[in-house]
Amino acid sequence: MINNKSKIKTIGVLFVFAYLFIRLFVYSDSVQAQEVSLSLSPPITELTIQPGRSYIQVFTLRNDGAPVTIGPKIFPFIPLDRQGHAELIEDKNSVDVFAPWFYFDQTPVSLGTTGSRDFYVKITPPVGTEEKDYYFTFIVEVQNENNLGINNSLAQARIGANILISVSKDGNPSKKASAITFSAPRLIDSFSTLNYKVVIANTGFSFFKPTGKITVDQIFGSTTVLNLAPLNVLVGGAREISCIQDENLIPCTLPGKFLIGIYRSDLTFTIDDSGTAIAKQIYTIAFPFSVLIGVAIIFIIYRIIKRLTG
């Protein structure tokens, strides 16, 4: 009887210890590891401006996560690759060079859950600024030391909106483009997909968006149109262009599960929906090679079996 009571007491103590352990390491983590969820709009600002003139852009920050303290900054950036990624230039000298271009309140701001804040950024390229493109990112960064209770990896969170500026005295900077790549396989199996690759280069003095399409004609058959996504192509760089459908970016792929015949594909696009169209043309042949290979394998197996049994 005494042993049974001792066992019950021991089990009770273990249960209480386990409960406290769970409270300490599970529930406390759920409180401490709060999520940071910030959104910034508009995501991109495109501006053509004369030297000495000013423009005010309003950026709206919304917080849908844990309360945070944030600080705004502006960094120049350069294009990084053909997928549209950018590399921020965060060294002090580069930032200081462009500091006179921008006026905005840089005081850290505290935002509660569902809170929002508007940032008014005045942009003024100085008189005498060289006529060309300049690229920046307006950054909102979580202030680590002021955000107790936020997961440490998230305390370094930042979100940005790009600012593309073309400085031009007459407001009409020169825009030029070339289609570096318009390609697709020349020969495919009928059961495979027909994928297109489009790379457009900017050889002018200002960023632009291509407006265009890929028109695919099956010889003696149907016509399919793939619309190019209006993605920015920055000066001195090139951009791989996706297609767009119902406002969603999609690969430039000809729809259909079975393709057969000769396909003529025409790429045509203009710069910012104006000027002379740039065009390229390619051909692809689709044939059911896999079916022929399958039939050949079956025939060979049949002949072998017939020879062995004969």
C-alpha atoms as a PDB file:
ATOM      1  CA  MET A   1       0.000   0.000   0.000  1.00  0.00           C
ATOM      2  CA  ILE A   2       2.821   2.363   0.914  1.00  0.00           C
ATOM      3  CA  ASN A   3       4.639   1.452  -2.293  1.00  0.00           C
ATOM      4  CA  ASN A   4       1.552   2.247  -4.347  1.00  0.00           C
ATOM      5  CA  LYS A   5       1.224   5.684  -2.706  1.00  0.00           C
ATOM      6  CA  SER A   6       4.902   6.372  -3.376  1.00  0.00           C
ATOM      7  CA  LYS A   7       4.471   5.415  -7.021  1.00  0.00           C
ATOM      8  CA  ILE A   8       1.436   7.722  -7.326  1.00  0.00           C
ATOM      9  CA  LYS A   9       3.384  10.608  -5.770  1.00  0.00           C
ATOM     10  CA  THR A  10       6.343   9.946  -8.066  1.00  0.00           C
ATOM     11  CA  ILE A  11       4.103   9.873 -11.148  1.00  0.00           C
ATOM     12  CA  GLY A  12       2.435  13.089  -9.996  1.00  0.00           C
ATOM     13  CA  VAL A  13       5.770  14.852  -9.582  1.00  0.00           C
ATOM     14  CA  LEU A  14       6.920  13.671 -13.022  1.00  0.00           C
ATOM     15  CA  PHE A  15       3.669  14.863 -14.577  1.00  0.00           C
ATOM     16  CA  VAL A  16       4.009  18.342 -13.035  1.00  0.00           C
ATOM     17  CA  PHE A  17       7.668  18.513 -14.157  1.00  0.00           C
ATOM     18  CA  ALA A  18       6.726  17.501 -17.702  1.00  0.00           C
ATOM     19  CA  TYR A  19       3.946  20.086 -17.783  1.00  0.00           C
ATOM     20  CA  LEU A  20       6.282  22.866 -16.630  1.00  0.00           C
ATOM     21  CA  PHE A  21       8.908  21.725 -19.175  1.00  0.00           C
ATOM     22  CA  ILE A  22       6.391  21.993 -22.003  1.00  0.00           C
ATOM     23  CA  ARG A  23       5.219  25.407 -20.794  1.00  0.00           C
ATOM     24  CA  LEU A  24       8.786  26.679 -20.607  1.00  0.00           C
ATOM     25  CA  PHE A  25      10.140  25.477 -23.955  1.00  0.00           C
ATOM     26  CA  VAL A  26       7.068  25.182 -26.176  1.00  0.00           C
ATOM     27  CA  TYR A  27       4.723  27.957 -25.160  1.00  0.00           C
ATOM     28  CA  SER A  28       7.483  30.451 -24.472  1.00  0.00           C
ATOM     29  CA  ASP A  29       8.962  29.765 -27.941  1.00  0.00           C
ATOM     30  CA  SER A  30       5.598  30.359 -29.549  1.00  0.00           C
ATOM     31  CA  VAL A  31       5.514  33.777 -27.916  1.00  0.00           C
ATOM     32  CA  GLN A  32       9.118  34.676 -28.659  1.00  0.00           C
ATOM     33  CA  ALA A  33       9.228  33.412 -32.232  1.00  0.00           C
ATOM     34  CA  GLN A  34       6.713  35.944 -33.524  1.00  0.00           C
ATOM     35  CA  GLU A  35       6.553  36.483 -37.272  1.00  0.00           C
ATOM     36  CA  VAL A  36       7.464  39.645 -39.144  1.00  0.00           C
ATOM     37  CA  SER A  37       5.082  40.320 -42.039  1.00  0.00           C
ATOM     38  CA  LEU A  38       5.597  43.606 -43.877  1.00  0.00           C
ATOM     39  CA  SER A  39       4.291  44.812 -47.249  1.00  0.00           C
ATOM     40  CA  LEU A  40       5.405  47.893 -49.171  1.00  0.00           C
ATOM     41  CA  SER A  41       3.636  49.601 -52.059  1.00  0.00           C
ATOM     42  CA  PRO A  42       4.035  50.556 -54.804  1.00  0.00           C
ATOM     43  CA  PRO A  43       6.667  47.865 -55.492  1.00  0.00           C
ATOM     44  CA  ILE A  44       8.277  49.914 -58.268  1.00  0.00           C
ATOM     45  CA  THR A  45       8.482  53.583 -59.271  1.00  0.00           C
ATOM     46  CA  GLU A  46       9.388  54.498 -62.870  1.00  0.00           C
ATOM     47  CA  LEU A  47      10.354  58.116 -63.385  1.00  0.00           C
ATOM     48  CA  THR A  48      11.668  60.250 -66.247  1.00  0.00           C
ATOM     49  CA  ILE A  49      12.731  63.630 -64.868  1.00  0.00           C
ATOM     50  CA  GLN A  50      14.744  66.704 -65.811  1.00  0.00           C
ATOM     51  CA  PRO A  51      17.779  67.723 -63.732  1.00  0.00           C
ATOM     52  CA  GLY A  52      16.763  70.144 -60.981  1.00  0.00           C
ATOM     53  CA  ARG A  53      13.086  69.124 -61.048  1.00  0.00           C
ATOM     54  CA  SER A  54      11.415  67.367 -58.112  1.00  0.00           C
ATOM     55  CA  TYR A  55       8.964  64.518 -57.737  1.00  0.00           C
ATOM     56  CA  ILE A  56       7.344  63.167 -54.555  1.00  0.00           C
ATOM     57  CA  GLN A  57       6.656  59.435 -54.277  1.00  0.00           C
ATOM     58  CA  VAL A  58       4.585  58.054 -51.415  1.00  0.00           C
ATOM     59  CA  PHE A  59       5.471  54.567 -50.155  1.00  0.00           C
ATOM     60  CA  THR A  60       2.958  52.823 -47.899  1.00  0.00           C
ATOM     61  CA  LEU A  61       4.221  50.268 -45.388  1.00  0.00           C
ATOM     62  CA  ARG A  62       1.792  47.851 -43.737  1.00  0.00           C
ATOM     63  CA  ASN A  63       2.527  45.500 -40.848  1.00  0.00           C
ATOM     64  CA  ASP A  64       0.465  42.294 -40.632  1.00  0.00           C
ATOM     65  CA  GLY A  65       2.763  40.572 -38.114  1.00  0.00           C
ATOM     66  CA  ALA A  66       4.208  41.245 -34.680  1.00  0.00           C
ATOM     67  CA  PRO A  67       4.821  44.850 -33.540  1.00  0.00           C
ATOM     68  CA  VAL A  68       8.141  46.117 -34.910  1.00  0.00           C
ATOM     69  CA  THR A  69      10.356  49.175 -35.099  1.00  0.00           C
ATOM     70  CA  ILE A  70      11.617  49.911 -38.593  1.00  0.00           C
ATOM     71  CA  GLY A  71      13.980  52.348 -40.268  1.00  0.00           C
ATOM     72  CA  PRO A  72      13.843  53.576 -43.917  1.00  0.00           C
ATOM     73  CA  LYS A  73      16.915  53.833 -46.169  1.00  0.00           C
ATOM     74  CA  ILE A  74      17.719  54.271 -49.867  1.00  0.00           C
ATOM     75  CA  PHE A  75      20.516  52.379 -51.644  1.00  0.00           C
ATOM     76  CA  PRO A  76      21.617  52.425 -55.295  1.00  0.00           C
ATOM     77  CA  PHE A  77      21.561  49.075 -57.094  1.00  0.00           C
ATOM     78  CA  ILE A  78      22.906  47.463 -60.255  1.00  0.00           C
ATOM     79  CA  PRO A  79      21.336  44.657 -62.357  1.00  0.00           C
ATOM     80  CA  LEU A  80      22.706  41.281 -61.289  1.00  0.00           C
ATOM     81  CA  ASP A  81      21.467  38.749 -63.854  1.00  0.00           C
ATOM     82  CA  ARG A  82      19.000  38.064 -66.661  1.00  0.00           C
ATOM     83  CA  GLN A  83      16.265  37.008 -64.226  1.00  0.00           C
ATOM     84  CA  GLY A  84      15.744  40.550 -62.962  1.00  0.00           C
ATOM     85  CA  HIS A  85      17.652  40.244 -59.695  1.00  0.00           C
ATOM     86  CA  ALA A  86      19.583  43.244 -58.389  1.00  0.00           C
ATOM     87  CA  GLU A  87      22.616  43.859 -56.197  1.00  0.00           C
ATOM     88  CA  LEU A  88      22.361  46.646 -53.621  1.00  0.00           C
ATOM     89  CA  ILE A  89      25.347  48.983 -53.293  1.00  0.00           C
ATOM     90  CA  GLU A  90      25.469  49.612 -49.544  1.00  0.00           C
ATOM     91  CA  ASP A  91      28.938  51.095 -49.017  1.00  0.00           C
ATOM     92  CA  LYS A  92      28.872  54.537 -47.391  1.00  0.00           C
ATOM     93  CA  ASN A  93      30.654  56.375 -50.214  1.00  0.00           C
ATOM     94  CA  SER A  94      28.132  55.244 -52.852  1.00  0.00           C
ATOM     95  CA  VAL A  95      25.195  56.079 -50.588  1.00  0.00           C
ATOM     96  CA  ASP A  96      26.600  59.530 -49.727  1.00  0.00           C
ATOM     97  CA  VAL A  97      27.054  60.426 -53.415  1.00  0.00           C
ATOM     98  CA  PHE A  98      23.284  60.207 -53.978  1.00  0.00           C
ATOM     99  CA  ALA A  99      22.167  61.511 -50.568  1.00  0.00           C
ATOM    100  CA  PRO A 100      21.350  65.009 -51.987  1.00  0.00           C
ATOM    101  CA  TRP A 101      18.906  63.398 -54.445  1.00  0.00           C
ATOM    102  CA  PHE A 102      16.469  62.275 -51.755  1.00  0.00           C
ATOM    103  CA  TYR A 103      14.664  63.929 -48.877  1.00  0.00           C
ATOM    104  CA  PHE A 104      12.595  61.806 -46.497  1.00  0.00           C
ATOM    105  CA  ASP A 105      12.145  61.264 -42.775  1.00  0.00           C
ATOM    106  CA  GLN A 106      14.686  58.629 -41.695  1.00  0.00           C
ATOM    107  CA  THR A 107      13.540  58.484 -38.060  1.00  0.00           C
ATOM    108  CA  PRO A 108      12.813  54.885 -36.891  1.00  0.00           C
ATOM    109  CA  VAL A 109       9.074  54.187 -36.630  1.00  0.00           C
ATOM    110  CA  SER A 110       7.197  51.725 -34.412  1.00  0.00           C
ATOM    111  CA  LEU A 111       4.329  49.830 -36.024  1.00  0.00           C
ATOM    112  CA  GLY A 112       1.810  47.683 -34.192  1.00  0.00           C
ATOM    113  CA  THR A 113      -0.028  44.740 -35.707  1.00  0.00           C
ATOM    114  CA  THR A 114      -2.183  45.903 -38.690  1.00  0.00           C
ATOM    115  CA  GLY A 115      -0.473  49.297 -38.442  1.00  0.00           C
ATOM    116  CA  SER A 116       0.592  51.279 -41.521  1.00  0.00           C
ATOM    117  CA  ARG A 117       2.783  54.281 -42.322  1.00  0.00           C
ATOM    118  CA  ASP A 118       3.234  56.507 -45.360  1.00  0.00           C
ATOM    119  CA  PHE A 119       6.754  57.634 -46.303  1.00  0.00           C
ATOM    120  CA  TYR A 120       7.018  60.732 -48.488  1.00  0.00           C
ATOM    121  CA  VAL A 121      10.185  60.624 -50.580  1.00  0.00           C
ATOM    122  CA  LYS A 122      11.134  63.779 -52.490  1.00  0.00           C
ATOM    123  CA  ILE A 123      13.348  62.979 -55.503  1.00  0.00           C
ATOM    124  CA  THR A 124      15.450  65.797 -56.980  1.00  0.00           C
ATOM    125  CA  PRO A 125      18.343  65.020 -59.335  1.00  0.00           C
ATOM    126  CA  PRO A 126      20.693  68.021 -59.006  1.00  0.00           C
ATOM    127  CA  VAL A 127      21.176  70.503 -61.837  1.00  0.00           C
ATOM    128  CA  GLY A 128      23.999  69.266 -64.061  1.00  0.00           C
ATOM    129  CA  THR A 129      23.272  65.571 -63.472  1.00  0.00           C
ATOM    130  CA  GLU A 130      24.399  63.439 -66.422  1.00  0.00           C
ATOM    131  CA  GLU A 131      21.553  62.300 -68.663  1.00  0.00           C
ATOM    132  CA  LYS A 132      21.276  58.552 -68.092  1.00  0.00           C
ATOM    133  CA  ASP A 133      19.551  55.985 -65.884  1.00  0.00           C
ATOM    134  CA  TYR A 134      19.968  55.698 -62.126  1.00  0.00           C
ATOM    135  CA  TYR A 135      18.541  52.817 -60.102  1.00  0.00           C
ATOM    136  CA  PHE A 136      17.719  52.768 -56.377  1.00  0.00           C
ATOM    137  CA  THR A 137      15.820  50.716 -53.801  1.00  0.00           C
ATOM    138  CA  PHE A 138      13.780  52.247 -50.976  1.00  0.00           C
ATOM    139  CA  ILE A 139      14.441  49.861 -48.079  1.00  0.00           C
ATOM    140  CA  VAL A 140      12.442  49.442 -44.884  1.00  0.00           C
ATOM    141  CA  GLU A 141      14.505  47.486 -42.365  1.00  0.00           C
ATOM    142  CA  VAL A 142      13.542  46.000 -39.000  1.00  0.00           C
ATOM    143  CA  GLN A 143      15.620  47.549 -36.213  1.00  0.00           C
ATOM    144  CA  ASN A 144      17.062  44.547 -34.327  1.00  0.00           C
ATOM    145  CA  GLU A 145      17.823  46.214 -30.999  1.00  0.00           C
ATOM    146  CA  ASN A 146      14.299  47.619 -30.707  1.00  0.00           C
ATOM    147  CA  ASN A 147      12.382  44.415 -31.396  1.00  0.00           C
ATOM    148  CA  LEU A 148      12.517  42.196 -28.333  1.00  0.00           C
ATOM    149  CA  GLY A 149      10.450  39.043 -28.685  1.00  0.00           C
ATOM    150  CA  ILE A 150      11.049  38.746 -32.447  1.00  0.00           C
ATOM    151  CA  ASN A 151      12.755  35.635 -33.787  1.00  0.00           C
ATOM    152  CA  ASN A 152      16.439  36.593 -34.210  1.00  0.00           C
ATOM    153  CA  SER A 153      16.590  35.462 -37.856  1.00  0.00           C
ATOM    154  CA  LEU A 154      13.563  37.621 -38.645  1.00  0.00           C
ATOM    155  CA  ALA A 155      14.846  40.611 -36.679  1.00  0.00           C
ATOM    156  CA  GLN A 156      17.086  41.371 -39.672  1.00  0.00           C
ATOM    157  CA  ALA A 157      14.088  41.422 -42.060  1.00  0.00           C
ATOM    158  CA  ARG A 158      13.915  44.076 -44.768  1.00  0.00           C
ATOM    159  CA  ILE A 159      11.618  44.840 -47.647  1.00  0.00           C
ATOM    160  CA  GLY A 160      12.243  47.099 -50.625  1.00  0.00           C
ATOM    161  CA  ALA A 161      10.648  48.946 -53.529  1.00  0.00           C
ATOM    162  CA  ASN A 162      12.676  49.818 -56.624  1.00  0.00           C
ATOM    163  CA  ILE A 163      13.016  53.352 -57.998  1.00  0.00           C
ATOM    164  CA  LEU A 164      14.022  53.578 -61.676  1.00  0.00           C
ATOM    165  CA  ILE A 165      15.044  57.092 -62.711  1.00  0.00           C
ATOM    166  CA  SER A 166      15.839  58.308 -66.235  1.00  0.00           C
ATOM    167  CA  VAL A 167      17.393  61.767 -66.136  1.00  0.00           C
ATOM    168  CA  SER A 168      16.617  63.567 -69.397  1.00  0.00           C
ATOM    169  CA  LYS A 169      16.550  67.264 -70.307  1.00  0.00           C
ATOM    170  CA  ASP A 170      13.890  66.863 -72.993  1.00  0.00           C
ATOM    171  CA  GLY A 171      11.956  64.064 -71.274  1.00  0.00           C
ATOM    172  CA  ASN A 172      12.493  61.722 -74.213  1.00  0.00           C
ATOM    173  CA  PRO A 173      15.556  59.538 -73.550  1.00  0.00           C
ATOM    174  CA  SER A 174      16.845  57.287 -76.330  1.00  0.00           C
ATOM    175  CA  LYS A 175      15.547  53.710 -76.060  1.00  0.00           C
ATOM    176  CA  LYS A 176      16.981  50.851 -78.107  1.00  0.00           C
ATOM    177  CA  ALA A 177      16.587  47.085 -77.909  1.00  0.00           C
ATOM    178  CA  SER A 178      17.797  43.922 -79.570  1.00  0.00           C
ATOM    179  CA  ALA A 179      16.582  40.351 -79.350  1.00  0.00           C
ATOM    180  CA  ILE A 180      19.678  38.486 -78.180  1.00  0.00           C
ATOM    181  CA  THR A 181      17.931  35.138 -78.019  1.00  0.00           C
ATOM    182  CA  PHE A 182      14.757  33.730 -79.497  1.00  0.00           C
ATOM    183  CA  SER A 183      15.127  29.976 -79.487  1.00  0.00           C
ATOM    184  CA  ALA A 184      13.313  26.657 -79.311  1.00  0.00           C
ATOM    185  CA  PRO A 185      14.316  23.086 -80.201  1.00  0.00           C
ATOM    186  CA  ARG A 186      14.422  22.495 -83.942  1.00  0.00           C
ATOM    187  CA  LEU A 187      13.274  18.888 -83.560  1.00  0.00           C
ATOM    188  CA  ILE A 188      11.081  17.488 -80.757  1.00  0.00           C
ATOM    189  CA  ASP A 189       9.069  14.388 -79.969  1.00  0.00           C
ATOM    190  CA  SER A 190       5.309  14.807 -80.337  1.00  0.00           C
ATOM    191  CA  PHE A 191       4.752  13.983 -76.651  1.00  0.00           C
ATOM    192  CA  SER A 192       7.238  16.562 -75.347  1.00  0.00           C
ATOM    193  CA  THR A 193       6.675  20.290 -74.794  1.00  0.00           C
ATOM    194  CA  LEU A 194       7.730  23.134 -77.062  1.00  0.00           C
ATOM    195  CA  ASN A 195       9.439  25.768 -74.885  1.00  0.00           C
ATOM    196  CA  TYR A 196      10.649  29.166 -76.074  1.00  0.00           C
ATOM    197  CA  LYS A 197      13.464  31.260 -74.650  1.00  0.00           C
ATOM    198  CA  VAL A 198      13.369  35.014 -75.163  1.00  0.00           C
ATOM    199  CA  VAL A 199      16.225  37.291 -74.056  1.00  0.00           C
ATOM    200  CA  ILE A 200      16.022  41.018 -74.830  1.00  0.00           C
ATOM    201  CA  ALA A 201      18.948  43.423 -74.410  1.00  0.00           C
ATOM    202  CA  ASN A 202      18.840  47.142 -73.686  1.00  0.00           C
ATOM    203  CA  THR A 203      21.326  48.967 -75.936  1.00  0.00           C
ATOM    204  CA  GLY A 204      19.895  52.455 -75.377  1.00  0.00           C
ATOM    205  CA  PHE A 205      20.052  55.049 -72.597  1.00  0.00           C
ATOM    206  CA  SER A 206      16.842  54.360 -70.674  1.00  0.00           C
ATOM    207  CA  PHE A 207      14.976  51.392 -69.220  1.00  0.00           C
ATOM    208  CA  PHE A 208      11.957  50.045 -71.097  1.00  0.00           C
ATOM    209  CA  LYS A 209       9.359  47.288 -71.196  1.00  0.00           C
ATOM    210  CA  PRO A 210       8.861  45.119 -74.291  1.00  0.00           C
ATOM    211  CA  THR A 211       5.323  44.895 -75.617  1.00  0.00           C
ATOM    212  CA  GLY A 212       4.857  41.925 -77.903  1.00  0.00           C
ATOM    213  CA  LYS A 213       3.990  38.311 -78.550  1.00  0.00           C
ATOM    214  CA  ILE A 214       5.059  34.978 -79.969  1.00  0.00           C
ATOM    215  CA  THR A 215       2.779  33.840 -82.778  1.00  0.00           C
ATOM    216  CA  VAL A 216       2.983  30.079 -83.419  1.00  0.00           C
ATOM    217  CA  ASP A 217       1.546  28.778 -86.704  1.00  0.00           C
ATOM    218  CA  GLN A 218       1.264  25.066 -87.329  1.00  0.00           C
ATOM    219  CA  ILE A 219       1.705  24.642 -91.068  1.00  0.00           C
ATOM    220  CA  PHE A 220      -1.756  23.732 -92.467  1.00  0.00           C
ATOM    221  CA  GLY A 221      -3.073  23.939 -88.882  1.00  0.00           C
ATOM    222  CA  SER A 222      -3.992  26.261 -86.009  1.00  0.00           C
ATOM    223  CA  THR A 223      -2.439  29.496 -84.703  1.00  0.00           C
ATOM    224  CA  THR A 224      -1.528  30.140 -81.061  1.00  0.00           C
ATOM    225  CA  VAL A 225      -0.476  33.461 -79.529  1.00  0.00           C
ATOM    226  CA  LEU A 226       1.758  33.726 -76.442  1.00  0.00           C
ATOM    227  CA  ASN A 227       1.877  37.239 -74.941  1.00  0.00           C
ATOM    228  CA  LEU A 228       5.182  38.549 -73.597  1.00  0.00           C
ATOM    229  CA  ALA A 229       5.246  39.832 -70.018  1.00  0.00           C
ATOM    230  CA  PRO A 230       6.021  43.586 -69.804  1.00  0.00           C
ATOM    231  CA  LEU A 231       9.163  43.235 -67.675  1.00  0.00           C
ATOM    232  CA  ASN A 232      11.657  46.075 -67.269  1.00  0.00           C
ATOM    233  CA  VAL A 233      14.929  45.740 -69.179  1.00  0.00           C
ATOM    234  CA  LEU A 234      17.607  47.972 -67.637  1.00  0.00           C
ATOM    235  CA  VAL A 235      20.336  49.884 -69.486  1.00  0.00           C
ATOM    236  CA  GLY A 236      23.437  47.884 -70.374  1.00  0.00           C
ATOM    237  CA  GLY A 237      21.815  44.606 -69.377  1.00  0.00           C
ATOM    238  CA  ALA A 238      19.607  41.858 -70.754  1.00  0.00           C
ATOM    239  CA  ARG A 239      16.454  40.232 -69.410  1.00  0.00           C
ATOM    240  CA  GLU A 240      14.956  36.809 -69.952  1.00  0.00           C
ATOM    241  CA  ILE A 241      11.313  37.503 -70.733  1.00  0.00           C
ATOM    242  CA  SER A 242       8.485  35.287 -69.512  1.00  0.00           C
ATOM    243  CA  CYS A 243       4.998  35.142 -70.952  1.00  0.00           C
ATOM    244  CA  ILE A 244       1.860  36.333 -69.213  1.00  0.00           C
ATOM    245  CA  GLN A 245      -1.660  34.949 -68.908  1.00  0.00           C
ATOM    246  CA  ASP A 246      -4.429  36.417 -66.747  1.00  0.00           C
ATOM    247  CA  GLU A 247      -1.830  38.716 -65.095  1.00  0.00           C
ATOM    248  CA  ASN A 248       0.267  35.704 -64.040  1.00  0.00           C
ATOM    249  CA  LEU A 249       3.821  35.084 -65.254  1.00  0.00           C
ATOM    250  CA  ILE A 250       4.125  31.747 -67.043  1.00  0.00           C
ATOM    251  CA  PRO A 251       6.819  30.012 -69.124  1.00  0.00           C
ATOM    252  CA  CYS A 252       6.618  30.651 -72.852  1.00  0.00           C
ATOM    253  CA  THR A 253       5.369  27.153 -73.711  1.00  0.00           C
ATOM    254  CA  LEU A 254       3.083  26.052 -76.528  1.00  0.00           C
ATOM    255  CA  PRO A 255       0.011  24.390 -74.991  1.00  0.00           C
ATOM    256  CA  GLY A 256      -1.004  20.892 -76.070  1.00  0.00           C
ATOM    257  CA  LYS A 257      -0.218  17.308 -75.083  1.00  0.00           C
ATOM    258  CA  PHE A 258       0.467  16.065 -78.610  1.00  0.00           C
ATOM    259  CA  LEU A 259       2.276  18.091 -81.257  1.00  0.00           C
ATOM    260  CA  ILE A 260       2.901  17.027 -84.834  1.00  0.00           C
ATOM    261  CA  GLY A 261       4.039  18.802 -87.961  1.00  0.00           C
ATOM    262  CA  ILE A 262       6.016  21.952 -88.693  1.00  0.00           C
ATOM    263  CA  TYR A 263       5.631  24.953 -86.393  1.00  0.00           C
ATOM    264  CA  ARG A 264       6.622  28.445 -87.485  1.00  0.00           C
ATOM    265  CA  SER A 265       7.157  30.802 -84.536  1.00  0.00           C
ATOM    266  CA  ASP A 266       7.384  34.601 -84.918  1.00  0.00           C
ATOM    267  CA  LEU A 267       8.596  36.886 -82.147  1.00  0.00           C
ATOM    268  CA  THR A 268       7.529  40.534 -82.522  1.00  0.00           C
ATOM    269  CA  PHE A 269       7.807  43.311 -79.950  1.00  0.00           C
ATOM    270  CA  THR A 270       8.089  47.080 -79.608  1.00  0.00           C
ATOM    271  CA  ILE A 271       9.642  49.260 -76.921  1.00  0.00           C
ATOM    272  CA  ASP A 272       7.027  50.589 -74.485  1.00  0.00           C
ATOM    273  CA  ASP A 273       4.321  49.873 -77.083  1.00  0.00           C
ATOM    274  CA  SER A 274       5.746  52.367 -79.597  1.00  0.00           C
ATOM    275  CA  GLY A 275       8.267  52.623 -82.412  1.00  0.00           C
ATOM    276  CA  THR A 276       9.326  50.063 -85.025  1.00  0.00           C
ATOM    277  CA  ALA A 277       8.677  46.417 -84.209  1.00  0.00           C
ATOM    278  CA  ILE A 278      11.621  44.045 -83.777  1.00  0.00           C
ATOM    279  CA  ALA A 279      11.027  40.576 -85.205  1.00  0.00           C
ATOM    280  CA  LYS A 280      12.616  37.114 -85.341  1.00  0.00           C
ATOM    281  CA  GLN A 281      11.432  33.787 -86.773  1.00  0.00           C
ATOM    282  CA  ILE A 282      12.269  30.149 -86.038  1.00  0.00           C
ATOM    283  CA  TYR A 283      10.941  26.705 -87.082  1.00  0.00           C
ATOM    284  CA  THR A 284      10.367  23.502 -85.117  1.00  0.00           C
ATOM    285  CA  ILE A 285       9.429  20.016 -86.364  1.00  0.00           C
ATOM    286  CA  ALA A 286       7.411  17.732 -84.068  1.00  0.00           C
ATOM    287  CA  PHE A 287       7.267  14.014 -84.849  1.00  0.00           C
ATOM    288  CA  PRO A 288       6.207  10.942 -82.775  1.00  0.00           C
ATOM    289  CA  PHE A 289       9.686   9.420 -82.516  1.00  0.00           C
ATOM    290  CA  SER A 290       8.813   7.677 -79.239  1.00  0.00           C
ATOM    291  CA  VAL A 291       5.963   5.807 -80.958  1.00  0.00           C
ATOM    292  CA  LEU A 292       8.254   4.618 -83.754  1.00  0.00           C
ATOM    293  CA  ILE A 293      10.880   3.541 -81.228  1.00  0.00           C
ATOM    294  CA  GLY A 294       8.227   1.650 -79.260  1.00  0.00           C
ATOM    295  CA  VAL A 295       6.953  -0.098 -82.386  1.00  0.00           C
ATOM    296  CA  ALA A 296      10.512  -0.987 -83.398  1.00  0.00           C
ATOM    297  CA  ILE A 297      11.260  -2.469 -79.961  1.00  0.00           C
ATOM    298  CA  ILE A 298       8.043  -4.542 -80.041  1.00  0.00           C
ATOM    299  CA  PHE A 299       8.877  -5.785 -83.544  1.00  0.00           C
ATOM    300  CA  ILE A 300      12.417  -6.797 -82.501  1.00  0.00           C
ATOM    301  CA  ILE A 301      11.109  -8.628 -79.422  1.00  0.00           C
ATOM    302  CA  TYR A 302       8.498 -10.379 -81.576  1.00  0.00           C
ATOM    303  CA  ARG A 303      11.157 -11.530 -84.074  1.00  0.00           C
ATOM    304  CA  ILE A 304      13.390 -12.797 -81.257  1.00  0.00           C
ATOM    305  CA  ILE A 305      10.544 -14.721 -79.637  1.00  0.00           C
ATOM    306  CA  LYS A 306       9.456 -16.142 -82.998  1.00  0.00           C
ATOM    307  CA  ARG A 307      13.022 -17.273 -83.772  1.00  0.00           C
ATOM    308  CA  LEU A 308      13.444 -18.928 -80.354  1.00  0.00           C
ATOM    309  CA  THR A 309      10.119 -20.741 -80.574  1.00  0.00           C
ATOM    310  CA  GLY A 310      10.529 -21.685 -84.225  1.00  0.00           C
END
